[in-house]
Protein backbone atom coordinates (compact mmCIF):
# COMPACT_ATOMS: atom_id res chain seq x y z
CA MET A 1 1.43 -59.06 -130.35
CA LYS A 2 3.46 -61.55 -132.44
CA ARG A 3 1.86 -63.13 -135.50
CA ARG A 4 1.55 -66.92 -135.62
CA LYS A 5 3.72 -68.68 -138.26
CA PRO A 6 1.96 -69.95 -141.41
CA PHE A 7 2.89 -73.58 -140.71
CA PHE A 8 1.21 -73.30 -137.32
CA LEU A 9 -1.98 -72.10 -138.97
CA LEU A 10 -1.91 -75.05 -141.37
CA THR A 11 -1.44 -77.44 -138.51
CA CYS A 12 -4.45 -76.01 -136.74
CA LEU A 13 -6.57 -76.39 -139.88
CA SER A 14 -5.50 -79.99 -140.36
CA LEU A 15 -6.57 -80.78 -136.80
CA LEU A 16 -10.01 -79.21 -137.42
CA MET A 17 -8.90 -76.24 -135.37
CA ILE A 18 -9.12 -78.22 -132.10
CA ALA A 19 -5.81 -76.83 -130.89
CA CYS A 20 -6.89 -73.28 -131.74
CA THR A 21 -10.11 -73.30 -129.72
CA PRO A 22 -9.59 -70.85 -126.85
CA GLU A 23 -10.15 -72.08 -123.32
CA PRO A 24 -13.06 -70.48 -121.45
CA PRO A 25 -12.01 -67.79 -119.02
CA MET A 26 -11.55 -68.78 -115.41
CA PRO A 27 -14.40 -67.71 -113.12
CA GLU A 28 -13.86 -64.54 -111.13
CA GLY A 29 -13.38 -64.69 -107.38
CA VAL A 30 -12.44 -67.37 -104.87
CA PRO A 31 -13.74 -70.96 -105.11
CA VAL A 32 -15.64 -72.08 -102.03
CA THR A 33 -15.35 -75.60 -100.65
CA ASP A 34 -18.12 -77.99 -101.76
CA PRO A 35 -20.53 -75.32 -103.05
CA VAL A 36 -24.19 -76.25 -103.37
CA GLN A 37 -25.27 -75.73 -106.96
CA ASN A 38 -28.82 -74.54 -107.52
CA PRO A 39 -30.33 -74.29 -111.00
CA THR A 40 -33.31 -72.22 -109.84
CA TYR A 41 -31.25 -69.21 -108.73
CA SER A 42 -28.14 -67.94 -110.50
CA GLY A 43 -26.60 -66.62 -107.30
CA PHE A 44 -26.90 -64.07 -104.54
CA TYR A 45 -25.49 -60.65 -103.74
CA LEU A 46 -24.30 -59.55 -100.31
CA LEU A 47 -24.14 -55.85 -99.40
CA ASN A 48 -21.45 -55.06 -96.84
CA GLU A 49 -22.30 -51.94 -94.85
CA GLY A 50 -18.79 -50.77 -94.11
CA THR A 51 -17.92 -48.68 -91.04
CA MET A 52 -19.78 -45.38 -90.86
CA GLY A 53 -17.76 -42.52 -92.35
CA ALA A 54 -15.25 -44.81 -94.05
CA ASN A 55 -16.92 -45.00 -97.50
CA LYS A 56 -16.41 -48.79 -97.48
CA ALA A 57 -19.77 -50.21 -98.57
CA ILE A 58 -19.04 -52.99 -101.07
CA LEU A 59 -21.05 -55.60 -102.96
CA ASP A 60 -20.09 -59.29 -103.06
CA TYR A 61 -21.53 -62.02 -105.29
CA PHE A 62 -21.74 -65.81 -105.15
CA ASP A 63 -22.32 -67.72 -108.40
CA TYR A 64 -24.13 -71.05 -107.96
CA ALA A 65 -23.00 -72.33 -111.38
CA THR A 66 -19.26 -71.85 -110.84
CA GLY A 67 -19.11 -72.07 -107.05
CA TYR A 68 -17.03 -68.90 -106.93
CA TYR A 69 -17.45 -66.08 -104.39
CA GLN A 70 -16.51 -62.62 -105.67
CA ASN A 71 -15.65 -59.68 -103.43
CA ASP A 72 -16.40 -56.06 -104.36
CA VAL A 73 -18.03 -56.77 -107.72
CA PHE A 74 -19.55 -53.29 -108.01
CA SER A 75 -16.19 -51.52 -108.11
CA LYS A 76 -14.77 -54.07 -110.53
CA ARG A 77 -17.67 -53.79 -112.94
CA ASN A 78 -18.11 -50.04 -112.61
CA PRO A 79 -14.61 -48.48 -112.65
CA GLN A 80 -16.15 -45.20 -113.85
CA VAL A 81 -17.88 -44.80 -110.45
CA VAL A 82 -14.73 -43.57 -108.77
CA ASP A 83 -16.03 -43.49 -105.19
CA GLY A 84 -17.56 -46.97 -105.31
CA LEU A 85 -20.91 -47.60 -103.65
CA GLY A 86 -20.43 -45.05 -100.88
CA ASP A 87 -20.92 -44.85 -97.12
CA VAL A 88 -23.02 -47.36 -95.12
CA GLY A 89 -25.01 -49.84 -97.20
CA THR A 90 -28.15 -50.69 -95.22
CA GLY A 91 -30.46 -52.51 -97.63
CA LEU A 92 -30.34 -54.60 -100.82
CA TYR A 93 -33.32 -55.58 -102.98
CA VAL A 94 -33.93 -57.26 -106.34
CA TYR A 95 -37.15 -56.30 -108.12
CA GLY A 96 -37.62 -57.32 -111.73
CA SER A 97 -34.40 -56.91 -113.67
CA LYS A 98 -32.98 -54.24 -111.34
CA MET A 99 -31.21 -54.25 -107.99
CA TYR A 100 -31.43 -51.45 -105.45
CA ALA A 101 -28.76 -50.79 -102.80
CA ILE A 102 -29.61 -48.28 -100.09
CA ILE A 103 -26.49 -46.29 -99.15
CA ASN A 104 -27.93 -44.11 -96.42
CA GLY A 105 -24.72 -42.42 -95.26
CA SER A 106 -24.23 -41.13 -98.82
CA ASN A 107 -27.92 -40.17 -99.09
CA LEU A 108 -28.56 -42.23 -102.20
CA VAL A 109 -30.02 -45.42 -103.59
CA GLU A 110 -27.76 -47.10 -106.14
CA VAL A 111 -29.71 -48.81 -108.94
CA MET A 112 -27.97 -51.62 -110.84
CA ASP A 113 -28.69 -54.22 -113.45
CA ALA A 114 -29.38 -57.34 -111.37
CA LYS A 115 -27.57 -59.66 -113.78
CA THR A 116 -24.35 -57.71 -114.12
CA ALA A 117 -24.31 -55.33 -111.12
CA THR A 118 -23.58 -52.48 -113.52
CA HIS A 119 -24.60 -48.96 -112.59
CA LEU A 120 -27.90 -47.65 -113.96
CA ALA A 121 -28.71 -44.64 -111.77
CA SER A 122 -28.20 -43.02 -108.37
CA LEU A 123 -31.38 -41.81 -106.70
CA GLN A 124 -30.82 -38.90 -104.34
CA ILE A 125 -32.85 -39.76 -101.23
CA PRO A 126 -31.57 -38.36 -97.92
CA ASN A 127 -30.81 -40.96 -95.24
CA ALA A 128 -32.94 -43.68 -96.87
CA ARG A 129 -33.57 -46.69 -94.65
CA SER A 130 -35.68 -49.40 -96.25
CA ALA A 131 -37.68 -50.31 -99.36
CA ALA A 132 -40.90 -51.99 -100.44
CA PHE A 133 -42.15 -52.75 -103.96
CA ALA A 134 -45.57 -53.06 -105.59
CA ASN A 135 -47.15 -52.63 -109.03
CA GLY A 136 -43.99 -51.43 -110.75
CA LYS A 137 -43.18 -48.88 -108.05
CA ALA A 138 -40.48 -48.74 -105.40
CA TYR A 139 -41.05 -47.09 -102.03
CA PHE A 140 -38.16 -45.85 -99.90
CA SER A 141 -38.45 -44.73 -96.28
CA SER A 142 -36.30 -41.73 -95.39
CA TYR A 143 -35.30 -39.99 -92.19
CA ALA A 144 -35.58 -36.80 -94.30
CA GLY A 145 -32.57 -35.07 -92.72
CA GLN A 146 -28.88 -35.93 -92.74
CA MET A 147 -27.56 -38.57 -90.35
CA GLN A 148 -27.48 -37.57 -86.66
CA THR A 149 -29.51 -34.39 -87.10
CA ASP A 150 -32.52 -33.04 -85.24
CA GLY A 151 -34.67 -36.07 -84.43
CA THR A 152 -37.90 -34.08 -84.22
CA GLN A 153 -38.12 -33.87 -88.01
CA LEU A 154 -40.80 -36.06 -89.58
CA GLY A 155 -39.66 -38.61 -92.11
CA PHE A 156 -41.18 -39.44 -95.47
CA VAL A 157 -41.66 -42.20 -98.04
CA MET A 158 -40.58 -41.58 -101.63
CA GLU A 159 -42.23 -43.34 -104.57
CA VAL A 160 -40.04 -44.23 -107.58
CA ASP A 161 -41.07 -45.60 -110.96
CA THR A 162 -38.99 -48.74 -111.52
CA VAL A 163 -38.98 -48.32 -115.31
CA SER A 164 -38.07 -44.66 -115.71
CA LEU A 165 -36.33 -44.44 -112.30
CA MET A 166 -37.91 -41.02 -111.84
CA LEU A 167 -38.68 -39.78 -108.34
CA GLY A 168 -42.42 -39.46 -107.88
CA ARG A 169 -44.83 -38.79 -105.06
CA GLN A 170 -43.76 -38.21 -101.47
CA VAL A 171 -45.74 -38.64 -98.25
CA THR A 172 -44.84 -37.48 -94.74
CA VAL A 173 -45.00 -40.19 -92.05
CA GLY A 174 -43.63 -40.50 -88.51
CA ARG A 175 -40.19 -39.78 -87.16
CA GLN A 176 -37.25 -41.82 -88.47
CA PRO A 177 -39.28 -44.41 -90.45
CA GLU A 178 -37.80 -47.88 -90.91
CA GLU A 179 -39.20 -50.99 -92.61
CA MET A 180 -42.45 -51.15 -94.59
CA VAL A 181 -44.90 -53.65 -96.06
CA VAL A 182 -47.65 -53.38 -98.67
CA LYS A 183 -51.06 -54.92 -97.91
CA ASP A 184 -54.50 -54.40 -99.45
CA GLY A 185 -53.62 -51.13 -101.17
CA LYS A 186 -52.02 -49.71 -98.03
CA LEU A 187 -48.40 -49.03 -97.17
CA PHE A 188 -47.59 -49.71 -93.52
CA VAL A 189 -44.52 -47.88 -92.19
CA ALA A 190 -42.71 -48.56 -88.89
CA ASN A 191 -41.77 -45.26 -87.20
CA SER A 192 -38.87 -45.43 -84.75
CA GLY A 193 -38.06 -41.92 -83.52
CA GLY A 194 -34.59 -43.34 -83.10
CA TYR A 195 -32.85 -39.96 -83.02
CA THR A 196 -34.74 -38.95 -79.86
CA PRO A 197 -34.29 -41.78 -77.33
CA GLU A 198 -35.93 -39.68 -74.66
CA ASN A 199 -39.06 -39.49 -76.83
CA TYR A 200 -39.26 -42.42 -79.25
CA ASP A 201 -42.02 -42.65 -81.81
CA ASN A 202 -44.36 -45.62 -81.23
CA THR A 203 -46.60 -45.74 -84.29
CA ILE A 204 -47.19 -47.43 -87.63
CA SER A 205 -48.17 -44.98 -90.38
CA VAL A 206 -50.90 -46.26 -92.72
CA VAL A 207 -50.61 -44.72 -96.21
CA ASN A 208 -53.31 -45.01 -98.87
CA MET A 209 -51.36 -45.97 -101.99
CA ASP A 210 -53.92 -44.50 -104.38
CA SER A 211 -54.03 -41.02 -102.85
CA PHE A 212 -50.56 -41.37 -101.26
CA VAL A 213 -51.82 -39.76 -98.08
CA GLU A 214 -51.23 -40.94 -94.51
CA GLU A 215 -54.68 -41.99 -93.36
CA GLU A 216 -53.94 -42.90 -89.75
CA LYS A 217 -51.36 -44.05 -87.23
CA ILE A 218 -51.56 -47.28 -85.24
CA PRO A 219 -49.94 -47.07 -81.75
CA VAL A 220 -47.83 -50.15 -81.00
CA ALA A 221 -44.60 -49.70 -79.00
CA ILE A 222 -41.54 -47.48 -78.88
CA ASN A 223 -38.67 -47.54 -81.38
CA LEU A 224 -40.26 -49.70 -84.10
CA TYR A 225 -37.91 -51.31 -86.61
CA ARG A 226 -38.45 -54.63 -88.42
CA MET A 227 -41.72 -55.35 -90.25
CA PHE A 228 -43.01 -58.35 -92.19
CA LEU A 229 -46.26 -59.92 -93.29
CA ALA A 230 -47.74 -63.41 -92.76
CA PRO A 231 -49.47 -65.23 -95.61
CA ASN A 232 -52.75 -64.92 -93.69
CA GLY A 233 -52.39 -61.13 -93.56
CA THR A 234 -51.14 -60.68 -90.00
CA LEU A 235 -48.66 -57.82 -89.76
CA TYR A 236 -45.59 -58.27 -87.57
CA VAL A 237 -43.50 -55.36 -86.28
CA SER A 238 -40.62 -55.34 -83.81
CA SER A 239 -39.71 -52.80 -81.17
CA ARG A 240 -36.10 -52.31 -80.15
CA GLY A 241 -37.17 -50.95 -76.76
CA ASN A 242 -34.90 -48.40 -75.10
CA TYR A 243 -31.87 -50.67 -74.51
CA ALA A 244 -32.43 -50.30 -70.74
CA ASP A 245 -35.62 -50.94 -68.79
CA VAL A 246 -37.88 -51.49 -71.83
CA ALA A 247 -36.99 -54.73 -73.58
CA SER A 248 -37.23 -55.40 -77.29
CA ASN A 249 -40.37 -57.21 -78.40
CA LEU A 250 -42.25 -58.53 -81.42
CA TYR A 251 -45.89 -57.61 -82.01
CA ALA A 252 -48.63 -59.17 -84.13
CA VAL A 253 -50.93 -56.45 -85.47
CA ASN A 254 -54.43 -57.03 -86.83
CA THR A 255 -54.68 -54.35 -89.51
CA MET A 256 -58.49 -54.58 -89.59
CA ASP A 257 -59.41 -53.93 -85.94
CA LYS A 258 -55.96 -52.48 -84.98
CA THR A 259 -55.48 -54.89 -82.07
CA VAL A 260 -51.89 -55.55 -81.01
CA LYS A 261 -50.46 -58.67 -79.36
CA ALA A 262 -46.98 -58.86 -77.82
CA LEU A 263 -45.15 -62.16 -78.43
CA GLY A 264 -42.41 -61.72 -75.84
CA LYS A 265 -39.46 -62.15 -78.21
CA GLY A 266 -37.15 -59.64 -79.87
CA VAL A 267 -36.09 -59.41 -83.51
CA THR A 268 -32.66 -58.17 -84.57
CA ALA A 269 -32.60 -59.83 -87.99
CA TYR A 270 -34.98 -62.13 -89.83
CA ALA A 271 -35.63 -64.04 -93.04
CA ILE A 272 -38.86 -65.61 -94.28
CA LYS A 273 -39.50 -68.78 -96.27
CA ASP A 274 -43.12 -69.65 -96.96
CA ASP A 275 -44.93 -69.22 -93.60
CA VAL A 276 -41.87 -69.48 -91.34
CA ALA A 277 -39.70 -66.62 -90.07
CA TYR A 278 -36.12 -67.41 -89.07
CA ILE A 279 -35.16 -64.88 -86.42
CA ILE A 280 -31.97 -63.75 -84.69
CA ASP A 281 -32.59 -62.02 -81.35
CA ILE A 282 -29.69 -60.24 -79.66
CA VAL A 283 -30.37 -59.64 -75.97
CA TYR A 284 -28.24 -57.19 -74.00
CA GLY A 285 -27.77 -57.66 -70.27
CA PRO A 286 -27.97 -54.86 -67.69
CA ALA A 287 -25.32 -52.21 -67.08
CA PRO A 288 -22.45 -52.03 -66.47
CA LEU A 289 -21.47 -55.32 -68.17
CA TYR A 290 -24.13 -55.41 -70.93
CA GLN A 291 -23.42 -59.10 -71.48
CA THR A 292 -24.86 -60.24 -74.79
CA GLU A 293 -26.86 -63.35 -75.59
CA TYR A 294 -27.67 -64.53 -79.09
CA HIS A 295 -30.93 -66.40 -79.62
CA TYR A 296 -31.99 -68.21 -82.81
CA TYR A 297 -35.64 -69.18 -83.12
CA THR A 298 -38.41 -69.68 -85.65
CA LEU A 299 -41.93 -68.26 -85.81
CA GLN A 300 -44.87 -69.88 -87.58
CA LEU A 301 -46.36 -66.76 -89.13
CA ASN A 302 -49.95 -67.94 -89.54
CA THR A 303 -50.28 -69.43 -86.04
CA GLN A 304 -47.86 -67.18 -84.09
CA GLN A 305 -46.27 -70.33 -82.66
CA ILE A 306 -42.64 -69.89 -81.54
CA ASP A 307 -40.04 -72.66 -81.63
CA ASN A 308 -37.09 -71.76 -79.40
CA SER A 309 -34.88 -74.60 -80.64
CA SER A 310 -32.02 -73.15 -82.66
CA PHE A 311 -32.07 -73.48 -86.45
CA LEU A 312 -28.24 -73.46 -86.45
CA SER A 313 -26.02 -76.30 -85.27
CA ASP A 314 -23.95 -75.82 -82.14
CA ASP A 315 -20.77 -75.99 -84.23
CA VAL A 316 -21.87 -73.02 -86.35
CA LYS A 317 -23.04 -70.96 -83.37
CA LYS A 318 -19.68 -71.41 -81.66
CA GLN A 319 -17.88 -69.92 -84.67
CA ILE A 320 -20.03 -66.80 -84.92
CA VAL A 321 -18.76 -63.75 -83.01
CA TYR A 322 -21.67 -61.37 -83.72
CA PRO A 323 -24.59 -62.59 -85.87
CA TYR A 324 -25.66 -59.67 -88.00
CA SER A 325 -27.97 -60.73 -90.82
CA ILE A 326 -29.74 -63.78 -92.15
CA ALA A 327 -31.23 -65.03 -95.43
CA VAL A 328 -32.97 -68.28 -96.38
CA HIS A 329 -32.85 -69.71 -99.89
CA PRO A 330 -36.41 -69.48 -101.28
CA ILE A 331 -36.32 -73.01 -102.74
CA THR A 332 -33.85 -75.20 -100.83
CA GLY A 333 -34.23 -73.60 -97.40
CA ASP A 334 -30.45 -73.21 -97.06
CA ILE A 335 -29.64 -70.79 -94.24
CA LEU A 336 -27.14 -67.95 -94.69
CA VAL A 337 -25.93 -66.05 -91.60
CA THR A 338 -23.38 -63.25 -91.58
CA ASP A 339 -20.95 -62.44 -88.79
CA ALA A 340 -19.93 -58.80 -88.29
CA ALA A 341 -17.20 -59.82 -85.79
CA ASN A 342 -15.70 -56.58 -84.40
CA PHE A 343 -17.39 -54.27 -86.98
CA VAL A 344 -14.12 -52.78 -88.24
CA THR A 345 -12.52 -55.73 -90.04
CA PRO A 346 -13.84 -58.15 -92.67
CA GLY A 347 -16.72 -60.37 -91.55
CA THR A 348 -17.73 -63.91 -92.46
CA LEU A 349 -20.61 -65.51 -94.33
CA PHE A 350 -21.75 -68.92 -93.04
CA TYR A 351 -23.65 -71.00 -95.62
CA CYS A 352 -25.64 -73.80 -93.96
CA ASN A 353 -28.06 -76.44 -95.17
CA VAL A 354 -31.68 -76.64 -94.03
CA GLN A 355 -30.58 -78.55 -90.93
CA GLY A 356 -28.30 -75.67 -89.92
CA GLN A 357 -25.08 -77.57 -90.62
CA LEU A 358 -22.19 -75.65 -92.15
CA GLN A 359 -21.60 -76.22 -95.88
CA TRP A 360 -18.99 -73.52 -96.40
CA LYS A 361 -17.94 -70.12 -95.11
CA GLN A 362 -16.32 -67.13 -96.78
CA THR A 363 -14.62 -63.89 -95.75
CA THR A 364 -16.67 -60.84 -96.71
CA GLY A 365 -16.31 -57.08 -96.49
CA ASP A 366 -16.76 -55.08 -93.29
CA ILE A 367 -20.15 -55.60 -91.59
CA PRO A 368 -21.82 -58.03 -94.01
CA GLY A 369 -25.50 -57.12 -94.11
CA SER A 370 -28.29 -57.55 -96.65
CA ILE A 371 -28.47 -60.57 -98.97
CA ALA A 372 -30.51 -60.69 -102.19
CA PHE A 373 -30.98 -63.79 -104.36
CA TRP A 374 -31.00 -63.37 -108.13
CA GLN A 375 -32.64 -65.73 -110.64
């Protein structure tokens, strides 16, 4: 590097060093058009699944302060992790100061600093599927075996201390467990049995979180998947059906008397703000055409009232090829929907206001999935 001339230094001093003040670095990424700034949340991360077997899971980030969208921030900020995030990113969660990315094809959970997305640890959990958090602990559901293995094997839930990141207790549940919720000292686990379509599981495992023992199973419906909780304590769980003569459905479960009520609507993806669930329901027609319909509706969680009017504008719906995931800003109610398109090329994120009108859209990685806001 060349040295500056002495007269140049004197000039800078005479001008109170104004000319020598370095300009701030340009923000990373691509500027979006008319971004909505939000002082409450710093930004959000988006985990792109990537095609199975391609090792293409990547993490994107949008910064509310700068209005810049950054692709593949994990690889850029962690060049020492030579293989990147790994194969098939299926879940992303922020809890405390840490962020957890489930990479089930690589049989691990990547733990990062939520502010910087820098690597902290890799938890070896085979074919992990979902996570829940409570009292400083993380809970990960696992199919137990490698992907596409014998579906008769029972799954388990692994407990992890979120401070030490040490693997802790483990409890056996049903076959191919999916999403979970924590309620009244119990962990409720949706069992799918998805590897054995001729004999799906149909139960919710109820785990005592003190003893970490499965106390009972609640029969609901085959191939359980999504699970969320209403403010009034009602538990909701979705069934994917059998993709043929048994349709997908959403069930309200009373965890006290174990009664189950079918609501007559499916759930492919959902997001919750306050006591409202925003739901995407993908309905497949009969063979041989399997024509697909995309439904967007809301559910009042405390009353179980369904509003079938779409929460997205017609203009946005026309642009979406295959709606894959959804998130709702916890404060503003802005609606974020991802489009997986053909599942082998980059997708699109649609950022809409609370009325469902498009604010901006951005190209993502392949199969844009989970979104996690960061404060």
